[in-house]
Amino acid sequence: MQANIETIGNLERRLNISVPTQDIDTEILTRLKRLAQTVKMHGFRPGKVPLKVVEKQYGTQVRQEVLAEKLQQCFGDAVRENNLRVAGYPRFETKPAGEGDGELGFSATFEVYPEVTVGSVADANIERPVLQVTDAEVDKTIEVLRKQRATFEAVERPAQNEDLVTIDFTGRIDGQPFTGGEGKDVQIVLGSGRMLAEFERAILGMQPDETRQFDLTYPADYHGKEVAGKSARFDLTLKRVEQPKLPALDGDFAKSLGVADGDVEKMRSEVRINVEREVEARIRARMKEQAFTLLLERASLEIPQSLIDLEMRSLAQAAQRDLQGRGIKTKDVPIPADILKAQAQRRVRLGLILAEVVRANSLQAKPEQVLAAVENHAKSFEQPQEVVKWYYSSPERLNEFESSVIEQNVVDWVASAALTEDKPVQFEELMGKSNA
């Protein structure tokens, strides 16, 4: 075998290889003879099928298999000998054999991984959110849980925020009905954001059985492109108003949250633990976003197109599975390539940067770190030790925890290298309005 490598771009390479055709022909003949001993063909006893008959039936298939294996073997050998880090998959092309040279030539075009310059983060500012969970945060969370379990009772008064209303409506654009512009016995909780804010405001103050007409302009970026930016006139009838009734803070409420004996104090303790865990997760997420954004901004590298293409395919498949899981036919929902490309570029770029940071600073996941992550996850289950045993019974189940630990190691490294300052935050701001 003879091989040489051409540089045809910053990351693109072409490997030219030639292999004696005699080696190929010998291997093909060996496999055909082996096949003749076992193949079953009508009119012949097992092991007695003539070689020419076997070659006529299976020769093309065997030749393709031998060539594919030889190409992969030669490519792998050349890559190892030249210490190449191949990104993505190679593109093979067979070259026409020269008359009488007895050689089979082919080329493999591929990309290699880039050099990654991480860049210094020493002068960068990072804010570490700080929040101490107190009784006030526990109370706010319990109120959210009560609202989530609220029942509704009919009232004869004007509709207000947090009421459950039942409505009929008909909308027209330029006097004509439009898709999605009509509803019967539609129920919404005012202030939940299910409908456009302008639509919900029109309902506020209406009495049961009252009818109202109002105009609404759809936002220019509205998801329904056929009505985006257009004005519609709605006829609206409020049929029913129901006000929320929160459950009492008693044993039944505690049981609804999974406290079997209905102990309210135990419920509060468990809520506090969950809030503290969620606060910690939100803080980690904020730090991770800042650290990763900083690395993306400071790093210098060229991204292999082959890795972007692979990531785009992966994202498209994930999007299709998500849509199918919702019962949506994916053939009716095109996935915008430009959106996938931008996301794929960021993910590939970040992955290459993280790999270099981990390699250069020895930030691989240590066994004790993985164990701690698994044990922390298992705390939310009734039998934590059994959960830990289950994860460790199959090593591949630990992959997610190992990845999480590595990411946290990188975040910690960035935080220690940069100018990190603690910044107190409000509970509502950290958790989001919907959670407080």
Protein backbone atom coordinates (compact mmCIF):
# COMPACT_ATOMS: atom_id res chain seq x y z
CA MET A 1 0.00 0.00 0.00
CA GLN A 2 1.19 3.50 -0.84
CA ALA A 3 -0.34 6.65 0.66
CA ASN A 4 0.23 10.39 0.57
CA ILE A 5 -1.69 13.26 2.10
CA GLU A 6 -2.61 16.55 0.43
CA THR A 7 -3.61 19.70 2.29
CA ILE A 8 -6.46 21.25 0.30
CA GLY A 9 -7.77 23.69 2.91
CA ASN A 10 -7.22 24.89 6.45
CA LEU A 11 -8.93 21.78 7.79
CA GLU A 12 -9.53 19.71 4.67
CA ARG A 13 -7.20 16.91 3.65
CA ARG A 14 -7.09 14.38 0.83
CA LEU A 15 -5.50 10.98 1.36
CA ASN A 16 -4.45 9.22 -1.84
CA ILE A 17 -3.91 5.48 -1.54
CA SER A 18 -3.01 2.76 -4.00
CA VAL A 19 -3.37 -0.96 -3.33
CA PRO A 20 -2.14 -3.86 -5.52
CA THR A 21 -5.13 -5.28 -7.40
CA GLN A 22 -3.67 -8.73 -6.82
CA ASP A 23 -4.33 -8.33 -3.08
CA ILE A 24 -7.96 -7.45 -3.84
CA ASP A 25 -8.45 -10.31 -6.29
CA THR A 26 -6.86 -12.82 -3.90
CA GLU A 27 -9.18 -11.84 -1.07
CA ILE A 28 -12.23 -12.00 -3.34
CA LEU A 29 -11.28 -15.50 -4.52
CA THR A 30 -10.70 -16.66 -0.93
CA ARG A 31 -14.15 -15.49 0.13
CA LEU A 32 -15.87 -17.02 -2.89
CA LYS A 33 -14.23 -20.38 -2.18
CA ARG A 34 -15.32 -20.17 1.43
CA LEU A 35 -18.84 -19.27 0.34
CA ALA A 36 -18.96 -22.20 -2.10
CA GLN A 37 -18.48 -24.60 0.82
CA THR A 38 -21.59 -23.39 2.67
CA VAL A 39 -23.98 -21.76 0.19
CA LYS A 40 -27.21 -23.57 -0.67
CA MET A 41 -28.32 -23.37 -4.30
CA HIS A 42 -31.06 -25.26 -6.11
CA GLY A 43 -29.75 -28.26 -8.07
CA PHE A 44 -26.51 -28.62 -6.12
CA ARG A 45 -25.56 -30.45 -2.95
CA PRO A 46 -24.12 -28.34 -0.11
CA GLY A 47 -20.40 -27.81 -0.68
CA LYS A 48 -20.60 -28.95 -4.30
CA VAL A 49 -21.62 -25.67 -5.98
CA PRO A 50 -19.12 -24.84 -8.76
CA LEU A 51 -16.98 -21.78 -8.07
CA LYS A 52 -18.05 -20.14 -11.37
CA VAL A 53 -21.72 -20.43 -10.36
CA VAL A 54 -21.00 -18.90 -6.96
CA GLU A 55 -18.99 -16.11 -8.60
CA LYS A 56 -21.81 -15.34 -11.04
CA GLN A 57 -24.34 -15.17 -8.21
CA TYR A 58 -22.31 -13.45 -5.50
CA GLY A 59 -19.21 -12.03 -7.20
CA THR A 60 -20.38 -8.41 -7.36
CA GLN A 61 -21.53 -8.39 -3.73
CA VAL A 62 -18.32 -9.98 -2.46
CA ARG A 63 -16.19 -7.59 -4.49
CA GLN A 64 -18.03 -4.57 -3.02
CA GLU A 65 -17.57 -5.94 0.51
CA VAL A 66 -13.85 -6.55 0.01
CA LEU A 67 -13.29 -3.11 -1.52
CA ALA A 68 -15.21 -1.37 1.30
CA GLU A 69 -13.25 -3.21 3.97
CA LYS A 70 -9.93 -2.58 2.23
CA LEU A 71 -10.71 1.14 1.91
CA GLN A 72 -11.59 1.40 5.60
CA GLN A 73 -8.53 -0.61 6.64
CA CYS A 74 -6.13 1.41 4.51
CA PHE A 75 -7.69 4.69 5.60
CA GLY A 76 -7.47 3.69 9.27
CA ASP A 77 -3.84 2.62 8.93
CA ALA A 78 -2.88 5.87 7.17
CA VAL A 79 -4.69 7.99 9.75
CA ARG A 80 -2.90 6.25 12.63
CA GLU A 81 0.51 6.42 10.94
CA ASN A 82 0.11 10.17 10.34
CA ASN A 83 -1.46 10.92 13.75
CA LEU A 84 -4.51 12.57 12.15
CA ARG A 85 -7.62 13.52 14.17
CA VAL A 86 -10.43 13.01 11.66
CA ALA A 87 -13.56 15.13 12.09
CA GLY A 88 -16.77 13.65 10.70
CA TYR A 89 -16.75 11.01 7.98
CA PRO A 90 -14.41 10.73 4.96
CA ARG A 91 -15.68 10.88 1.39
CA PHE A 92 -14.19 8.03 -0.67
CA GLU A 93 -13.64 8.13 -4.42
CA THR A 94 -12.19 5.32 -6.52
CA LYS A 95 -9.72 6.30 -9.22
CA PRO A 96 -9.63 4.53 -12.59
CA ALA A 97 -6.82 1.98 -12.75
CA GLY A 98 -3.96 2.77 -15.10
CA GLU A 99 -3.41 0.19 -17.84
CA GLY A 100 -0.96 -2.45 -16.73
CA ASP A 101 0.00 -0.80 -13.44
CA GLY A 102 -1.68 -3.45 -11.30
CA GLU A 103 -2.78 -0.89 -8.73
CA LEU A 104 -6.20 0.15 -7.42
CA GLY A 105 -6.21 3.81 -6.44
CA PHE A 106 -8.66 5.75 -4.34
CA SER A 107 -8.83 8.98 -2.40
CA ALA A 108 -10.44 9.90 0.90
CA THR A 109 -11.35 13.55 1.44
CA PHE A 110 -11.95 14.57 5.03
CA GLU A 111 -11.53 17.29 7.64
CA VAL A 112 -9.33 17.28 10.72
CA TYR A 113 -10.02 18.81 14.11
CA PRO A 114 -8.87 22.42 14.41
CA GLU A 115 -6.38 24.02 16.72
CA VAL A 116 -8.34 25.67 19.53
CA THR A 117 -7.06 28.79 21.25
CA VAL A 118 -9.16 29.27 24.37
CA GLY A 119 -8.07 32.81 25.19
CA SER A 120 -7.67 34.41 28.60
CA VAL A 121 -10.70 35.09 30.81
CA ALA A 122 -8.71 36.75 33.62
CA ASP A 123 -10.13 40.22 32.93
CA ALA A 124 -13.75 39.09 32.47
CA ASN A 125 -16.51 39.79 35.00
CA ILE A 126 -18.89 37.06 36.17
CA GLU A 127 -21.75 37.53 38.62
CA ARG A 128 -22.53 34.66 40.97
CA PRO A 129 -26.18 34.89 42.15
CA VAL A 130 -26.59 34.58 45.92
CA LEU A 131 -29.90 33.73 47.58
CA GLN A 132 -30.55 32.38 51.07
CA VAL A 133 -33.80 30.40 51.24
CA THR A 134 -35.89 31.63 54.20
CA ASP A 135 -39.41 31.00 55.46
CA ALA A 136 -40.61 33.74 53.10
CA GLU A 137 -39.43 31.80 50.02
CA VAL A 138 -41.02 28.62 51.37
CA ASP A 139 -44.32 30.46 51.91
CA LYS A 140 -44.26 31.85 48.37
CA THR A 141 -43.67 28.41 46.94
CA ILE A 142 -46.48 26.89 48.95
CA GLU A 143 -48.80 29.62 47.63
CA VAL A 144 -47.82 28.67 44.09
CA LEU A 145 -48.59 25.02 44.91
CA ARG A 146 -51.98 26.02 46.34
CA LYS A 147 -52.82 27.98 43.19
CA GLN A 148 -51.86 25.00 41.05
CA ARG A 149 -54.39 22.90 43.02
CA ALA A 150 -57.12 25.51 43.16
CA THR A 151 -60.72 24.64 42.43
CA PHE A 152 -63.14 27.13 40.89
CA GLU A 153 -66.63 28.23 41.93
CA ALA A 154 -69.09 30.27 39.89
CA VAL A 155 -69.64 33.92 40.86
CA GLU A 156 -71.96 36.68 39.63
CA ARG A 157 -69.48 39.57 39.39
CA PRO A 158 -67.21 41.17 36.78
CA ALA A 159 -64.29 39.05 35.58
CA GLN A 160 -60.88 39.77 37.09
CA ASN A 161 -57.38 38.36 36.93
CA GLU A 162 -56.99 34.70 38.04
CA ASP A 163 -60.68 33.97 37.31
CA LEU A 164 -61.57 31.01 35.11
CA VAL A 165 -63.86 32.33 32.36
CA THR A 166 -65.88 30.51 29.71
CA ILE A 167 -66.29 32.43 26.46
CA ASP A 168 -67.59 32.29 22.89
CA PHE A 169 -65.88 34.46 20.31
CA THR A 170 -65.85 35.11 16.58
CA GLY A 171 -63.20 37.16 14.82
CA ARG A 172 -63.09 38.69 11.35
CA ILE A 173 -60.36 40.31 9.30
CA ASP A 174 -61.68 42.70 6.65
CA GLY A 175 -65.12 41.32 7.42
CA GLN A 176 -64.13 37.71 6.71
CA PRO A 177 -63.78 34.83 9.23
CA PHE A 178 -60.29 33.31 9.51
CA THR A 179 -58.75 30.09 10.74
CA GLY A 180 -58.42 30.06 14.53
CA GLY A 181 -60.62 33.14 14.89
CA GLU A 182 -63.62 31.33 16.38
CA GLY A 183 -64.20 29.44 19.62
CA LYS A 184 -67.11 27.97 21.59
CA ASP A 185 -67.08 27.29 25.35
CA VAL A 186 -63.38 28.19 25.52
CA GLN A 187 -62.03 28.25 29.07
CA ILE A 188 -59.05 30.37 30.08
CA VAL A 189 -57.61 31.63 33.35
CA LEU A 190 -57.21 35.39 33.03
CA GLY A 191 -53.61 36.44 33.46
CA SER A 192 -52.24 33.02 32.48
CA GLY A 193 -51.03 34.30 29.12
CA ARG A 194 -52.82 31.60 27.14
CA MET A 195 -54.39 34.27 24.91
CA LEU A 196 -52.89 37.53 23.70
CA ALA A 197 -52.75 40.13 26.48
CA GLU A 198 -54.96 42.47 24.42
CA PHE A 199 -57.58 39.73 24.12
CA GLU A 200 -57.55 39.00 27.86
CA ARG A 201 -57.80 42.70 28.72
CA ALA A 202 -61.02 42.88 26.70
CA ILE A 203 -62.57 40.27 29.02
CA LEU A 204 -61.63 42.01 32.26
CA GLY A 205 -64.63 43.74 33.85
CA MET A 206 -67.23 41.88 31.80
CA GLN A 207 -70.28 40.44 33.55
CA PRO A 208 -71.59 36.92 32.94
CA ASP A 209 -73.82 36.84 29.80
CA GLU A 210 -72.38 40.17 28.63
CA THR A 211 -71.40 40.62 24.97
CA ARG A 212 -68.63 42.92 23.83
CA GLN A 213 -67.05 43.90 20.51
CA PHE A 214 -63.41 44.94 20.30
CA ASP A 215 -60.53 45.32 17.85
CA LEU A 216 -57.21 43.50 18.16
CA THR A 217 -53.98 43.86 16.18
CA TYR A 218 -51.86 40.72 15.97
CA PRO A 219 -48.12 41.21 16.58
CA ALA A 220 -45.94 41.30 13.47
CA ASP A 221 -44.02 38.27 14.77
CA TYR A 222 -47.16 36.27 15.68
CA HIS A 223 -46.70 32.53 15.11
CA GLY A 224 -49.76 32.39 12.82
CA LYS A 225 -48.25 33.99 9.72
CA GLU A 226 -51.63 34.34 7.99
CA VAL A 227 -52.79 36.86 10.62
CA ALA A 228 -49.47 38.35 11.79
CA GLY A 229 -49.54 42.14 11.75
CA LYS A 230 -53.24 42.27 10.80
CA SER A 231 -56.18 43.80 12.69
CA ALA A 232 -59.24 41.75 13.56
CA ARG A 233 -62.63 42.63 15.05
CA PHE A 234 -64.01 40.20 17.64
CA ASP A 235 -67.50 39.57 18.95
CA LEU A 236 -67.11 38.14 22.45
CA THR A 237 -69.66 36.66 24.86
CA LEU A 238 -68.72 35.94 28.48
CA LYS A 239 -70.79 32.94 29.54
CA ARG A 240 -69.40 32.12 32.97
CA VAL A 241 -67.06 33.51 35.64
CA GLU A 242 -65.46 31.26 38.26
CA GLN A 243 -63.17 32.46 41.00
CA PRO A 244 -60.31 30.36 42.37
CA LYS A 245 -60.68 28.67 45.73
CA LEU A 246 -57.35 27.72 47.25
CA PRO A 247 -57.08 24.52 49.29
CA ALA A 248 -56.60 24.91 53.04
CA LEU A 249 -53.11 24.41 54.49
CA ASP A 250 -54.06 21.19 56.24
CA GLY A 251 -53.31 17.49 56.28
CA ASP A 252 -55.18 16.84 53.02
CA PHE A 253 -53.09 19.43 51.24
CA ALA A 254 -49.90 17.90 52.68
CA LYS A 255 -51.01 14.47 51.44
CA SER A 256 -51.62 15.91 47.96
CA LEU A 257 -47.93 16.86 47.93
CA GLY A 258 -46.86 13.31 48.78
CA VAL A 259 -46.58 13.54 52.57
CA ALA A 260 -48.31 10.27 53.46
CA ASP A 261 -49.13 11.07 57.10
CA GLY A 262 -50.38 14.60 56.31
CA ASP A 263 -47.88 16.27 58.65
CA VAL A 264 -47.90 19.97 57.64
CA GLU A 265 -44.53 20.72 59.22
CA LYS A 266 -42.97 17.80 57.38
CA MET A 267 -44.54 19.17 54.20
CA ARG A 268 -42.92 22.57 54.82
CA SER A 269 -39.57 20.87 55.43
CA GLU A 270 -39.79 18.95 52.16
CA VAL A 271 -40.84 22.09 50.27
CA ARG A 272 -37.83 23.91 51.71
CA ILE A 273 -35.49 21.11 50.58
CA ASN A 274 -36.97 21.22 47.07
CA VAL A 275 -36.74 25.01 46.91
CA GLU A 276 -33.12 24.94 48.04
CA ARG A 277 -32.36 22.31 45.41
CA GLU A 278 -34.09 24.34 42.70
CA VAL A 279 -32.36 27.56 43.76
CA GLU A 280 -29.01 25.77 43.59
CA ALA A 281 -29.85 24.46 40.11
CA ARG A 282 -30.87 27.93 38.90
CA ILE A 283 -27.66 29.46 40.23
CA ARG A 284 -25.59 26.75 38.53
CA ALA A 285 -27.47 27.35 35.27
CA ARG A 286 -26.76 31.12 35.44
CA MET A 287 -23.08 30.49 36.11
CA LYS A 288 -22.91 27.94 33.31
CA GLU A 289 -24.49 30.33 30.80
CA GLN A 290 -22.06 33.11 31.71
CA ALA A 291 -19.02 30.82 31.64
CA PHE A 292 -19.91 29.20 28.30
CA THR A 293 -20.75 32.55 26.69
CA LEU A 294 -17.41 33.91 27.85
CA LEU A 295 -15.51 30.93 26.42
CA LEU A 296 -17.33 31.31 23.10
CA GLU A 297 -16.44 34.99 22.94
CA ARG A 298 -12.76 34.57 23.83
CA ALA A 299 -11.89 31.40 21.89
CA SER A 300 -10.44 31.31 18.39
CA LEU A 301 -10.96 28.32 16.09
CA GLU A 302 -12.27 27.19 12.72
CA ILE A 303 -15.21 24.79 12.79
CA PRO A 304 -15.17 21.68 10.55
CA GLN A 305 -18.18 21.80 8.23
CA SER A 306 -18.55 18.03 8.53
CA LEU A 307 -19.24 18.34 12.28
CA ILE A 308 -21.79 21.11 11.65
CA ASP A 309 -23.58 18.89 9.11
CA LEU A 310 -23.67 15.98 11.56
CA GLU A 311 -25.02 18.22 14.33
CA MET A 312 -27.69 19.67 12.02
CA ARG A 313 -28.89 16.17 11.19
CA SER A 314 -28.96 15.29 14.88
CA LEU A 315 -30.96 18.43 15.74
CA ALA A 316 -33.40 17.79 12.89
CA GLN A 317 -33.99 14.22 14.03
CA ALA A 318 -34.54 15.39 17.62
CA ALA A 319 -37.02 18.03 16.44
CA GLN A 320 -38.91 15.46 14.39
CA ARG A 321 -39.10 13.05 17.34
CA ASP A 322 -40.42 15.87 19.52
CA LEU A 323 -43.10 16.78 17.00
CA GLN A 324 -44.07 13.14 16.51
CA GLY A 325 -44.35 12.78 20.29
CA ARG A 326 -46.95 15.54 20.21
CA GLY A 327 -48.90 13.78 17.50
CA ILE A 328 -47.80 16.17 14.72
CA LYS A 329 -47.05 14.83 11.25
CA THR A 330 -43.50 15.96 10.57
CA LYS A 331 -43.96 15.98 6.81
CA ASP A 332 -46.36 18.90 7.26
CA VAL A 333 -43.90 20.89 9.40
CA PRO A 334 -40.69 21.92 7.63
CA ILE A 335 -37.73 22.48 9.92
CA PRO A 336 -35.88 25.73 8.99
CA ALA A 337 -32.31 24.88 8.03
CA ASP A 338 -31.01 28.37 8.89
CA ILE A 339 -32.17 28.03 12.51
CA LEU A 340 -30.63 24.58 12.79
CA LYS A 341 -27.37 25.79 11.24
CA ALA A 342 -26.89 28.59 13.77
CA GLN A 343 -27.67 26.27 16.67
CA ALA A 344 -25.43 23.52 15.26
CA GLN A 345 -22.53 25.94 14.80
CA ARG A 346 -22.79 27.11 18.40
CA ARG A 347 -23.01 23.57 19.78
CA VAL A 348 -20.05 22.29 17.75
CA ARG A 349 -17.95 25.36 18.53
CA LEU A 350 -18.73 25.10 22.24
CA GLY A 351 -18.04 21.36 22.26
CA LEU A 352 -14.59 21.85 20.74
CA ILE A 353 -13.77 24.64 23.19
CA LEU A 354 -14.91 22.63 26.21
CA ALA A 355 -12.90 19.62 25.08
CA GLU A 356 -9.76 21.76 24.87
CA VAL A 357 -10.37 23.39 28.27
CA VAL A 358 -10.88 19.97 29.85
CA ARG A 359 -7.77 18.53 28.19
CA ALA A 360 -5.50 21.50 28.95
CA ASN A 361 -6.57 21.79 32.59
CA SER A 362 -7.19 18.12 33.48
CA LEU A 363 -10.85 18.71 34.29
CA GLN A 364 -12.05 15.18 33.59
CA ALA A 365 -14.73 13.79 35.90
CA LYS A 366 -13.29 12.02 38.95
CA PRO A 367 -15.07 8.88 40.24
CA GLU A 368 -15.90 10.53 43.57
CA GLN A 369 -17.47 13.49 41.73
CA VAL A 370 -19.68 11.20 39.66
CA LEU A 371 -20.72 9.29 42.78
CA ALA A 372 -21.63 12.54 44.55
CA ALA A 373 -23.72 13.64 41.55
CA VAL A 374 -25.57 10.31 41.46
CA GLU A 375 -26.21 10.38 45.22
CA ASN A 376 -27.51 13.95 45.04
CA HIS A 377 -29.89 12.94 42.26
CA ALA A 378 -31.03 9.89 44.23
CA LYS A 379 -32.04 12.01 47.26
CA SER A 380 -35.36 12.84 45.60
CA PHE A 381 -36.38 9.15 45.59
CA GLU A 382 -37.81 7.08 48.44
CA GLN A 383 -34.95 4.56 48.37
CA PRO A 384 -31.83 6.53 47.40
CA GLN A 385 -29.37 3.66 47.81
CA GLU A 386 -31.36 1.45 45.45
CA VAL A 387 -31.32 4.23 42.86
CA VAL A 388 -27.54 4.56 43.20
CA LYS A 389 -27.11 0.79 42.79
CA TRP A 390 -29.30 0.86 39.68
CA TYR A 391 -27.15 3.52 38.00
CA TYR A 392 -23.91 1.75 38.85
CA SER A 393 -25.20 -1.63 37.68
CA SER A 394 -24.73 -0.45 34.08
CA PRO A 395 -21.80 1.92 33.40
CA GLU A 396 -23.45 3.62 30.39
CA ARG A 397 -26.12 4.98 32.75
CA LEU A 398 -23.43 7.17 34.30
CA ASN A 399 -22.63 9.02 31.06
CA GLU A 400 -25.08 11.84 31.75
CA PHE A 401 -23.64 12.39 35.23
CA GLU A 402 -20.07 12.33 33.93
CA SER A 403 -20.94 14.97 31.33
CA SER A 404 -22.64 17.10 33.97
CA VAL A 405 -19.62 16.87 36.28
CA ILE A 406 -17.23 17.84 33.47
CA GLU A 407 -19.37 20.87 32.60
CA GLN A 408 -19.41 21.93 36.25
CA ASN A 409 -15.63 21.51 36.43
CA VAL A 410 -15.29 23.86 33.46
CA VAL A 411 -17.67 26.40 35.03
CA ASP A 412 -15.70 26.28 38.29
CA TRP A 413 -12.44 26.73 36.38
CA VAL A 414 -13.77 29.78 34.53
CA ALA A 415 -15.19 31.26 37.75
CA SER A 416 -11.82 30.88 39.48
CA ALA A 417 -9.89 32.34 36.54
CA ALA A 418 -12.23 35.31 35.93
CA LEU A 419 -13.24 38.21 38.17
CA THR A 420 -16.21 36.60 39.91
CA GLU A 421 -18.40 38.68 42.24
CA ASP A 422 -21.28 37.54 44.43
CA LYS A 423 -24.53 39.34 43.64
CA PRO A 424 -27.64 38.99 45.85
CA VAL A 425 -30.81 38.28 43.83
CA GLN A 426 -34.51 38.29 44.61
CA PHE A 427 -36.38 34.99 44.74
CA GLU A 428 -38.87 36.07 42.06
CA GLU A 429 -36.12 37.22 39.73
CA LEU A 430 -34.14 33.98 40.04
CA MET A 431 -37.09 31.59 39.82
CA GLY A 432 -39.21 33.49 37.31
CA LYS A 433 -42.59 35.12 37.89
CA SER A 434 -44.48 31.91 37.13
CA ASN A 435 -42.77 30.17 40.04
CA ALA A 436 -43.31 32.77 42.70
